Every structure is written in structure tokens, then in C-alpha cells.
Amino acid sequence: MNPLVICPTCQKQEPIHDVLTAQSNQNVIYTCNQCHHTVRNIETSKG
């Protein structure tokens, strides 16, 4: 089962693979499919 991510704006819960996009610099972008709230350049443990 995939972990769920909760949007900080609208509180919608979605599977992690539906809302995170990998960037070439090993950071990720979060985009809510309901309210379109976006958080860019989220650092990962590798980035």
C-alpha cells in the first residue's frame, strides 16, 4: 500500500505517487490534484 500525503491547504489525502514529481536535482515537487497547491524544491535524503 502506498503512503498517503495530506495537502496542507485543503486536507485532501492522496497516494504519494499521485502527488510527488521527481526533479533532476533529486528534490521533489508536491502538487495537490484537488486545489492545485504546489510546494517546490522539497529536499530528499539524497538531495
PDB file of N, CA and C in Angstrom:
ATOM      1  N   MET A   1       0.849  -1.191   0.000  1.00  0.00           N
ATOM      2  CA  MET A   1       0.000   0.000   0.000  1.00  0.00           C
ATOM      3  C   MET A   1       0.887   1.244   0.000  1.00  0.00           C
ATOM      4  N   ASN A   2       0.525   2.212  -0.804  1.00  0.00           N
ATOM      5  CA  ASN A   2       1.296   3.449  -0.877  1.00  0.00           C
ATOM      6  C   ASN A   2       0.923   4.391   0.258  1.00  0.00           C
ATOM      7  N   PRO A   3       1.918   5.093   0.810  1.00  0.00           N
ATOM      8  CA  PRO A   3       1.614   6.088   1.850  1.00  0.00           C
ATOM      9  C   PRO A   3       0.736   7.200   1.289  1.00  0.00           C
ATOM     10  N   LEU A   4      -0.071   7.792   2.155  1.00  0.00           N
ATOM     11  CA  LEU A   4      -0.917   8.909   1.753  1.00  0.00           C
ATOM     12  C   LEU A   4      -0.251  10.220   2.147  1.00  0.00           C
ATOM     13  N   VAL A   5      -0.430  11.229   1.307  1.00  0.00           N
ATOM     14  CA  VAL A   5       0.065  12.577   1.576  1.00  0.00           C
ATOM     15  C   VAL A   5      -1.158  13.459   1.775  1.00  0.00           C
ATOM     16  N   ILE A   6      -1.124  14.306   2.818  1.00  0.00           N
ATOM     17  CA  ILE A   6      -2.241  15.202   3.119  1.00  0.00           C
ATOM     18  C   ILE A   6      -1.879  16.607   2.661  1.00  0.00           C
ATOM     19  N   CYS A   7      -2.737  17.210   1.844  1.00  0.00           N
ATOM     20  CA  CYS A   7      -2.498  18.566   1.362  1.00  0.00           C
ATOM     21  C   CYS A   7      -2.587  19.543   2.537  1.00  0.00           C
ATOM     22  N   PRO A   8      -1.602  20.423   2.698  1.00  0.00           N
ATOM     23  CA  PRO A   8      -1.636  21.384   3.810  1.00  0.00           C
ATOM     24  C   PRO A   8      -2.707  22.467   3.617  1.00  0.00           C
ATOM     25  N   THR A   9      -3.239  22.604   2.405  1.00  0.00           N
ATOM     26  CA  THR A   9      -4.243  23.641   2.136  1.00  0.00           C
ATOM     27  C   THR A   9      -5.665  23.117   2.269  1.00  0.00           C
ATOM     28  N   CYS A  10      -6.002  22.043   1.526  1.00  0.00           N
ATOM     29  CA  CYS A  10      -7.388  21.561   1.509  1.00  0.00           C
ATOM     30  C   CYS A  10      -7.599  20.269   2.311  1.00  0.00           C
ATOM     31  N   GLN A  11      -6.524  19.659   2.798  1.00  0.00           N
ATOM     32  CA  GLN A  11      -6.558  18.440   3.619  1.00  0.00           C
ATOM     33  C   GLN A  11      -6.922  17.174   2.854  1.00  0.00           C
ATOM     34  N   LYS A  12      -6.974  17.225   1.523  1.00  0.00           N
ATOM     35  CA  LYS A  12      -7.257  16.016   0.735  1.00  0.00           C
ATOM     36  C   LYS A  12      -6.102  15.037   0.876  1.00  0.00           C
ATOM     37  N   GLN A  13      -6.413  13.767   1.019  1.00  0.00           N
ATOM     38  CA  GLN A  13      -5.403  12.724   1.115  1.00  0.00           C
ATOM     39  C   GLN A  13      -5.292  12.011  -0.224  1.00  0.00           C
ATOM     40  N   GLU A  14      -4.056  11.892  -0.717  1.00  0.00           N
ATOM     41  CA  GLU A  14      -3.819  11.219  -1.990  1.00  0.00           C
ATOM     42  C   GLU A  14      -2.583  10.338  -1.875  1.00  0.00           C
ATOM     43  N   PRO A  15      -2.515   9.261  -2.663  1.00  0.00           N
ATOM     44  CA  PRO A  15      -1.329   8.404  -2.652  1.00  0.00           C
ATOM     45  C   PRO A  15      -0.090   9.193  -3.073  1.00  0.00           C
ATOM     46  N   ILE A  16       1.020   8.891  -2.452  1.00  0.00           N
ATOM     47  CA  ILE A  16       2.255   9.637  -2.670  1.00  0.00           C
ATOM     48  C   ILE A  16       2.671   9.668  -4.141  1.00  0.00           C
ATOM     49  N   HIS A  17       2.457   8.574  -4.869  1.00  0.00           N
ATOM     50  CA  HIS A  17       2.884   8.537  -6.271  1.00  0.00           C
ATOM     51  C   HIS A  17       2.028   9.418  -7.171  1.00  0.00           C
ATOM     52  N   ASP A  18       0.851   9.852  -6.687  1.00  0.00           N
ATOM     53  CA  ASP A  18      -0.016  10.726  -7.487  1.00  0.00           C
ATOM     54  C   ASP A  18       0.299  12.207  -7.309  1.00  0.00           C
ATOM     55  N   VAL A  19       1.034  12.571  -6.257  1.00  0.00           N
ATOM     56  CA  VAL A  19       1.217  13.996  -5.957  1.00  0.00           C
ATOM     57  C   VAL A  19       2.672  14.469  -5.962  1.00  0.00           C
ATOM     58  N   LEU A  20       3.628  13.552  -5.991  1.00  0.00           N
ATOM     59  CA  LEU A  20       5.035  13.954  -5.986  1.00  0.00           C
ATOM     60  C   LEU A  20       5.669  13.723  -7.349  1.00  0.00           C
ATOM     61  N   THR A  21       6.460  14.694  -7.798  1.00  0.00           N
ATOM     62  CA  THR A  21       7.175  14.600  -9.064  1.00  0.00           C
ATOM     63  C   THR A  21       8.660  14.796  -8.780  1.00  0.00           C
ATOM     64  N   ALA A  22       9.506  13.887  -9.241  1.00  0.00           N
ATOM     65  CA  ALA A  22      10.944  13.992  -9.021  1.00  0.00           C
ATOM     66  C   ALA A  22      11.544  15.052  -9.935  1.00  0.00           C
ATOM     67  N   GLN A  23      12.527  15.790  -9.418  1.00  0.00           N
ATOM     68  CA  GLN A  23      13.272  16.761 -10.201  1.00  0.00           C
ATOM     69  C   GLN A  23      14.669  16.207 -10.464  1.00  0.00           C
ATOM     70  N   SER A  24      15.352  16.766 -11.431  1.00  0.00           N
ATOM     71  CA  SER A  24      16.690  16.285 -11.784  1.00  0.00           C
ATOM     72  C   SER A  24      17.711  16.532 -10.679  1.00  0.00           C
ATOM     73  N   ASN A  25      17.451  17.482  -9.792  1.00  0.00           N
ATOM     74  CA  ASN A  25      18.385  17.763  -8.698  1.00  0.00           C
ATOM     75  C   ASN A  25      18.086  16.924  -7.453  1.00  0.00           C
ATOM     76  N   GLN A  26      17.306  15.875  -7.605  1.00  0.00           N
ATOM     77  CA  GLN A  26      16.936  14.920  -6.563  1.00  0.00           C
ATOM     78  C   GLN A  26      16.004  15.497  -5.511  1.00  0.00           C
ATOM     79  N   ASN A  27      15.444  16.672  -5.758  1.00  0.00           N
ATOM     80  CA  ASN A  27      14.370  17.192  -4.930  1.00  0.00           C
ATOM     81  C   ASN A  27      13.054  16.783  -5.574  1.00  0.00           C
ATOM     82  N   VAL A  28      11.943  17.061  -4.900  1.00  0.00           N
ATOM     83  CA  VAL A  28      10.640  16.715  -5.453  1.00  0.00           C
ATOM     84  C   VAL A  28       9.697  17.910  -5.424  1.00  0.00           C
ATOM     85  N   ILE A  29       8.651  17.839  -6.246  1.00  0.00           N
ATOM     86  CA  ILE A  29       7.602  18.851  -6.273  1.00  0.00           C
ATOM     87  C   ILE A  29       6.308  18.173  -5.834  1.00  0.00           C
ATOM     88  N   TYR A  30       5.596  18.804  -4.904  1.00  0.00           N
ATOM     89  CA  TYR A  30       4.284  18.317  -4.469  1.00  0.00           C
ATOM     90  C   TYR A  30       3.217  19.166  -5.146  1.00  0.00           C
ATOM     91  N   THR A  31       2.209  18.525  -5.742  1.00  0.00           N
ATOM     92  CA  THR A  31       1.073  19.235  -6.333  1.00  0.00           C
ATOM     93  C   THR A  31      -0.212  18.519  -5.958  1.00  0.00           C
ATOM     94  N   CYS A  32      -1.122  19.229  -5.319  1.00  0.00           N
ATOM     95  CA  CYS A  32      -2.419  18.657  -4.953  1.00  0.00           C
ATOM     96  C   CYS A  32      -3.297  18.614  -6.196  1.00  0.00           C
ATOM     97  N   ASN A  33      -3.923  17.475  -6.456  1.00  0.00           N
ATOM     98  CA  ASN A  33      -4.781  17.317  -7.619  1.00  0.00           C
ATOM     99  C   ASN A  33      -6.145  17.973  -7.442  1.00  0.00           C
ATOM    100  N   GLN A  34      -6.498  18.323  -6.197  1.00  0.00           N
ATOM    101  CA  GLN A  34      -7.802  18.940  -5.958  1.00  0.00           C
ATOM    102  C   GLN A  34      -7.712  20.466  -5.982  1.00  0.00           C
ATOM    103  N   CYS A  35      -6.852  21.062  -5.153  1.00  0.00           N
ATOM    104  CA  CYS A  35      -6.785  22.525  -5.061  1.00  0.00           C
ATOM    105  C   CYS A  35      -5.584  23.104  -5.796  1.00  0.00           C
ATOM    106  N   HIS A  36      -4.716  22.241  -6.305  1.00  0.00           N
ATOM    107  CA  HIS A  36      -3.536  22.627  -7.088  1.00  0.00           C
ATOM    108  C   HIS A  36      -2.480  23.382  -6.281  1.00  0.00           C
ATOM    109  N   HIS A  37      -2.521  23.245  -4.963  1.00  0.00           N
ATOM    110  CA  HIS A  37      -1.462  23.802  -4.119  1.00  0.00           C
ATOM    111  C   HIS A  37      -0.145  23.123  -4.505  1.00  0.00           C
ATOM    112  N   THR A  38       0.922  23.909  -4.636  1.00  0.00           N
ATOM    113  CA  THR A  38       2.207  23.373  -5.068  1.00  0.00           C
ATOM    114  C   THR A  38       3.307  23.773  -4.095  1.00  0.00           C
ATOM    115  N   VAL A  39       4.158  22.814  -3.767  1.00  0.00           N
ATOM    116  CA  VAL A  39       5.375  23.076  -2.987  1.00  0.00           C
ATOM    117  C   VAL A  39       6.543  22.575  -3.815  1.00  0.00           C
ATOM    118  N   ARG A  40       7.492  23.453  -4.116  1.00  0.00           N
ATOM    119  CA  ARG A  40       8.624  23.100  -4.966  1.00  0.00           C
ATOM    120  C   ARG A  40       9.899  22.913  -4.144  1.00  0.00           C
ATOM    121  N   ASN A  41      10.835  22.191  -4.732  1.00  0.00           N
ATOM    122  CA  ASN A  41      12.179  22.006  -4.163  1.00  0.00           C
ATOM    123  C   ASN A  41      12.163  21.413  -2.762  1.00  0.00           C
ATOM    124  N   ILE A  42      11.353  20.388  -2.563  1.00  0.00           N
ATOM    125  CA  ILE A  42      11.335  19.666  -1.283  1.00  0.00           C
ATOM    126  C   ILE A  42      12.580  18.783  -1.278  1.00  0.00           C
ATOM    127  N   GLU A  43      13.436  18.985  -0.294  1.00  0.00           N
ATOM    128  CA  GLU A  43      14.680  18.212  -0.234  1.00  0.00           C
ATOM    129  C   GLU A  43      14.400  16.794   0.202  1.00  0.00           C
ATOM    130  N   THR A  44      15.097  15.861  -0.429  1.00  0.00           N
ATOM    131  CA  THR A  44      15.027  14.463  -0.021  1.00  0.00           C
ATOM    132  C   THR A  44      16.314  14.109   0.722  1.00  0.00           C
ATOM    133  N   SER A  45      16.378  12.902   1.234  1.00  0.00           N
ATOM    134  CA  SER A  45      17.585  12.493   1.945  1.00  0.00           C
ATOM    135  C   SER A  45      18.791  12.415   1.007  1.00  0.00           C
ATOM    136  N   LYS A  46      18.546  12.265  -0.295  1.00  0.00           N
ATOM    137  CA  LYS A  46      19.651  12.232  -1.254  1.00  0.00           C
ATOM    138  C   LYS A  46      19.979  13.623  -1.778  1.00  0.00           C
ATOM    139  N   GLY A  47      19.054  14.562  -1.657  1.00  0.00           N
ATOM    140  CA  GLY A  47      19.251  15.888  -2.221  1.00  0.00           C
ATOM    141  C   GLY A  47      19.639  16.843  -1.175  1.00  0.00           C
TER     142      GLY A  47
END
